[in-house]
Amino acid sequence: MIVFPTPSSAWAVHKVSLAGKTYTFEFRFNSYQQRWMLDIYLDNTPVITGQMIVENFNLFYGAPIKNFEHGVLATVRNFEGKSKLSRDNFGIDKEFSLLYLSNEEWENAGNYQ
């Protein structure tokens, strides 16, 4: 399991190595929808774009993603709270985090979503 570094500003780019591939994760906060959005690229080729990040949910649920077959991304609540995922409560040591789990880890976790 990997906890992602998440943005401290309304737009951020991170390079992340997963399953031997280096991905570019582009986070941006959509102020109109009050939601974080995520684009993922592999070698400058879009893997997924415009993915809304929703609390307590597997981001790719029900939609297999080409070039990302090795695992899932999920947002989780880190501690008790009633807030929705927002601009300032997303990241390491904040109310919500973005996790990567390999397919094996996801299956062992009970695949609850």
Protein backbone atom coordinates (compact mmCIF):
# COMPACT_ATOMS: atom_id res chain seq x y z
CA MET A 1 0.00 0.00 0.00
CA ILE A 2 1.24 3.48 -0.85
CA VAL A 3 -0.14 6.72 0.57
CA PHE A 4 0.13 9.38 -2.11
CA PRO A 5 1.61 12.78 -1.60
CA THR A 6 -1.35 14.99 -2.31
CA PRO A 7 -1.50 18.64 -3.22
CA SER A 8 -0.95 21.54 -0.88
CA SER A 9 -2.03 23.95 -3.61
CA ALA A 10 -5.02 23.94 -5.97
CA TRP A 11 -2.87 22.39 -8.73
CA ALA A 12 0.03 19.96 -8.35
CA VAL A 13 1.93 17.37 -10.36
CA HIS A 14 3.65 14.29 -8.89
CA LYS A 15 5.67 11.55 -10.57
CA VAL A 16 4.91 8.16 -9.01
CA SER A 17 6.42 4.74 -9.73
CA LEU A 18 3.91 1.88 -9.52
CA ALA A 19 4.46 -1.72 -10.69
CA GLY A 20 7.63 -0.71 -12.52
CA LYS A 21 5.97 2.13 -14.46
CA THR A 22 6.38 5.86 -13.82
CA TYR A 23 3.11 7.76 -13.89
CA THR A 24 2.43 11.48 -13.78
CA PHE A 25 -0.42 12.39 -11.44
CA GLU A 26 -1.94 15.82 -11.98
CA PHE A 27 -4.25 17.02 -9.21
CA ARG A 28 -6.43 20.09 -9.60
CA PHE A 29 -9.18 21.52 -7.45
CA ASN A 30 -12.38 22.41 -9.32
CA SER A 31 -13.76 25.35 -7.35
CA TYR A 32 -17.14 25.23 -9.14
CA GLN A 33 -17.80 21.61 -8.13
CA GLN A 34 -15.76 21.89 -4.91
CA ARG A 35 -14.01 18.62 -5.82
CA TRP A 36 -10.51 17.41 -6.52
CA MET A 37 -9.94 16.09 -10.04
CA LEU A 38 -7.17 13.74 -11.14
CA ASP A 39 -5.44 13.13 -14.47
CA ILE A 40 -2.97 10.24 -14.81
CA TYR A 41 -0.44 9.95 -17.64
CA LEU A 42 2.00 7.21 -18.62
CA ASP A 43 4.78 8.45 -20.90
CA ASN A 44 2.70 11.58 -21.69
CA THR A 45 -0.20 9.37 -22.81
CA PRO A 46 -3.44 9.84 -20.85
CA VAL A 47 -4.41 6.85 -18.71
CA ILE A 48 -7.43 8.65 -17.28
CA THR A 49 -8.40 12.31 -17.26
CA GLY A 50 -10.99 14.29 -15.34
CA GLN A 51 -11.46 11.63 -12.65
CA MET A 52 -13.37 13.12 -9.73
CA ILE A 53 -11.90 12.13 -6.38
CA VAL A 54 -14.74 11.05 -4.10
CA GLU A 55 -14.45 10.19 -0.41
CA ASN A 56 -14.31 6.52 0.65
CA PHE A 57 -14.37 5.16 -2.89
CA ASN A 58 -12.23 3.18 -5.35
CA LEU A 59 -11.60 5.72 -8.12
CA PHE A 60 -11.80 3.15 -10.91
CA TYR A 61 -14.69 1.12 -9.52
CA GLY A 62 -16.51 -0.71 -12.30
CA ALA A 63 -14.25 0.65 -15.03
CA PRO A 64 -11.06 -1.27 -15.87
CA ILE A 65 -8.35 1.19 -16.85
CA LYS A 66 -5.90 0.35 -19.65
CA ASN A 67 -2.27 0.75 -18.48
CA PHE A 68 -3.36 0.64 -14.82
CA GLU A 69 -4.34 -3.02 -14.43
CA HIS A 70 -1.98 -3.67 -11.48
CA GLY A 71 -3.96 -2.01 -8.70
CA VAL A 72 -6.55 0.50 -7.54
CA LEU A 73 -6.66 4.00 -6.12
CA ALA A 74 -9.01 4.72 -3.27
CA THR A 75 -9.72 7.68 -1.04
CA VAL A 76 -10.07 6.88 2.63
CA ARG A 77 -11.01 8.81 5.74
CA ASN A 78 -8.06 8.76 8.14
CA PHE A 79 -9.95 9.59 11.30
CA GLU A 80 -13.49 10.09 12.56
CA GLY A 81 -15.23 13.04 10.99
CA LYS A 82 -18.28 14.10 9.05
CA SER A 83 -16.71 16.44 6.53
CA LYS A 84 -16.81 15.95 2.79
CA LEU A 85 -13.53 15.79 0.94
CA SER A 86 -12.58 19.40 0.26
CA ARG A 87 -9.77 21.73 -0.75
CA ASP A 88 -7.96 21.68 2.60
CA ASN A 89 -8.61 18.25 4.15
CA PHE A 90 -6.98 16.00 1.53
CA GLY A 91 -3.46 14.66 2.03
CA ILE A 92 -1.10 12.86 4.35
CA ASP A 93 -1.99 13.60 7.99
CA LYS A 94 -5.29 15.18 6.92
CA GLU A 95 -8.84 13.83 7.15
CA PHE A 96 -8.67 12.10 3.73
CA SER A 97 -5.81 10.38 1.87
CA LEU A 98 -5.36 8.80 -1.53
CA LEU A 99 -4.07 5.22 -1.37
CA TYR A 100 -2.73 2.84 -3.98
CA LEU A 101 -3.30 -0.85 -3.35
CA SER A 102 -2.02 -3.63 -5.59
CA ASN A 103 -4.71 -6.00 -6.84
CA GLU A 104 -3.58 -8.55 -4.25
CA GLU A 105 -3.80 -6.02 -1.41
CA TRP A 106 -7.24 -4.90 -2.66
CA GLU A 107 -8.53 -8.49 -2.69
CA ASN A 108 -7.12 -9.15 0.78
CA ALA A 109 -8.75 -5.98 2.09
CA GLY A 110 -12.16 -7.42 1.22
CA ASN A 111 -12.78 -5.28 -1.86
CA TYR A 112 -15.48 -3.38 0.02
CA GLN A 113 -16.43 -0.91 -2.74
